[in-house]
C-alpha atoms as a PDB file:
ATOM      1  CA  MET A   1     -27.422  -2.616   2.079  1.00  0.00           C
ATOM      2  CA  SER A   2     -23.720  -3.400   2.111  1.00  0.00           C
ATOM      3  CA  GLY A   3     -20.896  -0.907   2.270  1.00  0.00           C
ATOM      4  CA  ILE A   4     -17.641  -0.649   0.370  1.00  0.00           C
ATOM      5  CA  ILE A   5     -14.430   0.495   2.062  1.00  0.00           C
ATOM      6  CA  VAL A   6     -12.774   3.218  -0.013  1.00  0.00           C
ATOM      7  CA  ALA A   7     -10.542   4.799   2.636  1.00  0.00           C
ATOM      8  CA  GLY A   8      -8.255   3.387   5.261  1.00  0.00           C
ATOM      9  CA  ASN A   9      -7.000  -0.009   6.303  1.00  0.00           C
ATOM     10  CA  ASN A  10      -5.996   0.549   9.945  1.00  0.00           C
ATOM     11  CA  THR A  11      -2.472   1.748   9.111  1.00  0.00           C
ATOM     12  CA  ASN A  12      -0.848   5.188   9.288  1.00  0.00           C
ATOM     13  CA  GLU A  13      -0.083   5.897   5.648  1.00  0.00           C
ATOM     14  CA  SER A  14      -0.475   8.762   3.198  1.00  0.00           C
ATOM     15  CA  GLY A  15      -1.681   7.030   0.020  1.00  0.00           C
ATOM     16  CA  ALA A  16      -4.631   8.409  -1.941  1.00  0.00           C
ATOM     17  CA  SER A  17      -7.093   6.292   0.051  1.00  0.00           C
ATOM     18  CA  GLN A  18      -5.313   6.402   3.415  1.00  0.00           C
ATOM     19  CA  LEU A  19      -6.255   8.718   6.268  1.00  0.00           C
ATOM     20  CA  ILE A  20      -4.467   9.546   9.514  1.00  0.00           C
ATOM     21  CA  ARG A  21      -6.791  11.003  12.153  1.00  0.00           C
ATOM     22  CA  PRO A  22      -9.567  12.172   9.839  1.00  0.00           C
ATOM     23  CA  ARG A  23     -11.585  14.968  11.397  1.00  0.00           C
ATOM     24  CA  GLY A  24     -14.260  16.986   9.641  1.00  0.00           C
ATOM     25  CA  ILE A  25     -16.207  15.686   6.664  1.00  0.00           C
ATOM     26  CA  PHE A  26     -18.435  17.454   4.166  1.00  0.00           C
ATOM     27  CA  VAL A  27     -20.722  16.084   1.441  1.00  0.00           C
ATOM     28  CA  ASP A  28     -21.809  18.466  -1.318  1.00  0.00           C
ATOM     29  CA  ASP A  29     -24.971  18.367  -3.462  1.00  0.00           C
ATOM     30  CA  ALA A  30     -23.239  16.089  -6.010  1.00  0.00           C
ATOM     31  CA  GLU A  31     -22.507  13.623  -3.173  1.00  0.00           C
ATOM     32  CA  THR A  32     -18.783  14.375  -3.324  1.00  0.00           C
ATOM     33  CA  LEU A  33     -17.117  13.597   0.007  1.00  0.00           C
ATOM     34  CA  TYR A  34     -14.411  15.873   1.448  1.00  0.00           C
ATOM     35  CA  VAL A  35     -12.327  14.799   4.458  1.00  0.00           C
ATOM     36  CA  ALA A  36     -10.027  16.911   6.630  1.00  0.00           C
ATOM     37  CA  ASP A  37      -7.128  14.441   6.906  1.00  0.00           C
ATOM     38  CA  CYS A  38      -5.601  15.996  10.020  1.00  0.00           C
ATOM     39  CA  LYS A  39      -2.276  14.177  10.379  1.00  0.00           C
ATOM     40  CA  ASN A  40      -1.631  13.877   6.632  1.00  0.00           C
ATOM     41  CA  HIS A  41      -1.986  17.691   6.530  1.00  0.00           C
ATOM     42  CA  ARG A  42      -4.384  17.699   3.587  1.00  0.00           C
ATOM     43  CA  ILE A  43      -7.979  17.690   2.342  1.00  0.00           C
ATOM     44  CA  GLN A  44      -9.021  14.578   0.400  1.00  0.00           C
ATOM     45  CA  ARG A  45     -11.955  14.408  -2.038  1.00  0.00           C
ATOM     46  CA  TRP A  46     -13.904  11.366  -3.211  1.00  0.00           C
ATOM     47  CA  SER A  47     -16.315  11.954  -6.089  1.00  0.00           C
ATOM     48  CA  ASN A  48     -19.515   9.925  -5.954  1.00  0.00           C
ATOM     49  CA  GLY A  49     -18.598   6.345  -6.878  1.00  0.00           C
ATOM     50  CA  ALA A  50     -14.823   6.890  -6.729  1.00  0.00           C
ATOM     51  CA  SER A  51     -12.666   4.220  -5.149  1.00  0.00           C
ATOM     52  CA  SER A  52      -9.659   6.480  -4.576  1.00  0.00           C
ATOM     53  CA  GLY A  53      -9.281   9.908  -3.013  1.00  0.00           C
ATOM     54  CA  VAL A  54      -7.685  13.001  -4.553  1.00  0.00           C
ATOM     55  CA  THR A  55      -5.758  15.637  -2.603  1.00  0.00           C
ATOM     56  CA  VAL A  56      -7.377  19.047  -3.180  1.00  0.00           C
ATOM     57  CA  ALA A  57      -5.499  21.061  -0.526  1.00  0.00           C
ATOM     58  CA  GLY A  58      -2.253  20.564   1.359  1.00  0.00           C
ATOM     59  CA  THR A  59       0.923  18.718   0.465  1.00  0.00           C
ATOM     60  CA  GLU A  60       1.127  15.906   3.057  1.00  0.00           C
ATOM     61  CA  VAL A  61       3.939  17.933   4.651  1.00  0.00           C
ATOM     62  CA  ILE A  62       3.165  20.115   7.675  1.00  0.00           C
ATOM     63  CA  GLY A  63       3.760  23.806   7.046  1.00  0.00           C
ATOM     64  CA  ASN A  64       2.438  27.340   6.933  1.00  0.00           C
ATOM     65  CA  SER A  65       2.927  28.365   3.298  1.00  0.00           C
ATOM     66  CA  LEU A  66      -0.076  29.051   1.064  1.00  0.00           C
ATOM     67  CA  THR A  67      -0.020  25.470  -0.253  1.00  0.00           C
ATOM     68  CA  GLN A  68       0.495  23.692   3.077  1.00  0.00           C
ATOM     69  CA  LEU A  69      -1.737  22.800   6.020  1.00  0.00           C
ATOM     70  CA  GLU A  70      -0.795  22.062   9.615  1.00  0.00           C
ATOM     71  CA  SER A  71      -3.631  19.964  11.078  1.00  0.00           C
ATOM     72  CA  PRO A  72      -6.937  20.618   9.295  1.00  0.00           C
ATOM     73  CA  THR A  73     -10.010  19.790  11.366  1.00  0.00           C
ATOM     74  CA  ALA A  74     -12.951  20.932   9.219  1.00  0.00           C
ATOM     75  CA  VAL A  75     -13.819  21.521   5.574  1.00  0.00           C
ATOM     76  CA  ILE A  76     -16.824  23.113   3.849  1.00  0.00           C
ATOM     77  CA  VAL A  77     -17.396  23.687   0.125  1.00  0.00           C
ATOM     78  CA  ASP A  78     -19.809  26.399  -1.003  1.00  0.00           C
ATOM     79  CA  SER A  79     -22.129  26.310  -4.032  1.00  0.00           C
ATOM     80  CA  ASN A  80     -19.436  27.970  -6.181  1.00  0.00           C
ATOM     81  CA  GLY A  81     -16.893  25.267  -5.365  1.00  0.00           C
ATOM     82  CA  TYR A  82     -14.803  27.382  -2.993  1.00  0.00           C
ATOM     83  CA  ILE A  83     -13.228  25.282  -0.239  1.00  0.00           C
ATOM     84  CA  TYR A  84     -13.065  26.640   3.326  1.00  0.00           C
ATOM     85  CA  ILE A  85     -10.713  24.887   5.735  1.00  0.00           C
ATOM     86  CA  ALA A  86     -10.297  25.184   9.512  1.00  0.00           C
ATOM     87  CA  ASP A  87      -6.599  24.555  10.087  1.00  0.00           C
END
């Protein structure tokens, strides 16, 4: 079995497939991967088979408004698709 890199390249960047200090991960029943991207202040999602991530929470800018995250460390998605984030 061989793997395919879909996130990261050992640089500190904020592109769709870049992570800075990723913390918590969650995989749902559809094998969708969610990553708490701590220092990019966001939650990234990779659908099964995707080669690029999508930001589903946060704005890549640290903050405390309803659309911003500071340093997320965990993410869970329930069976209804609601996302719970430890920030």
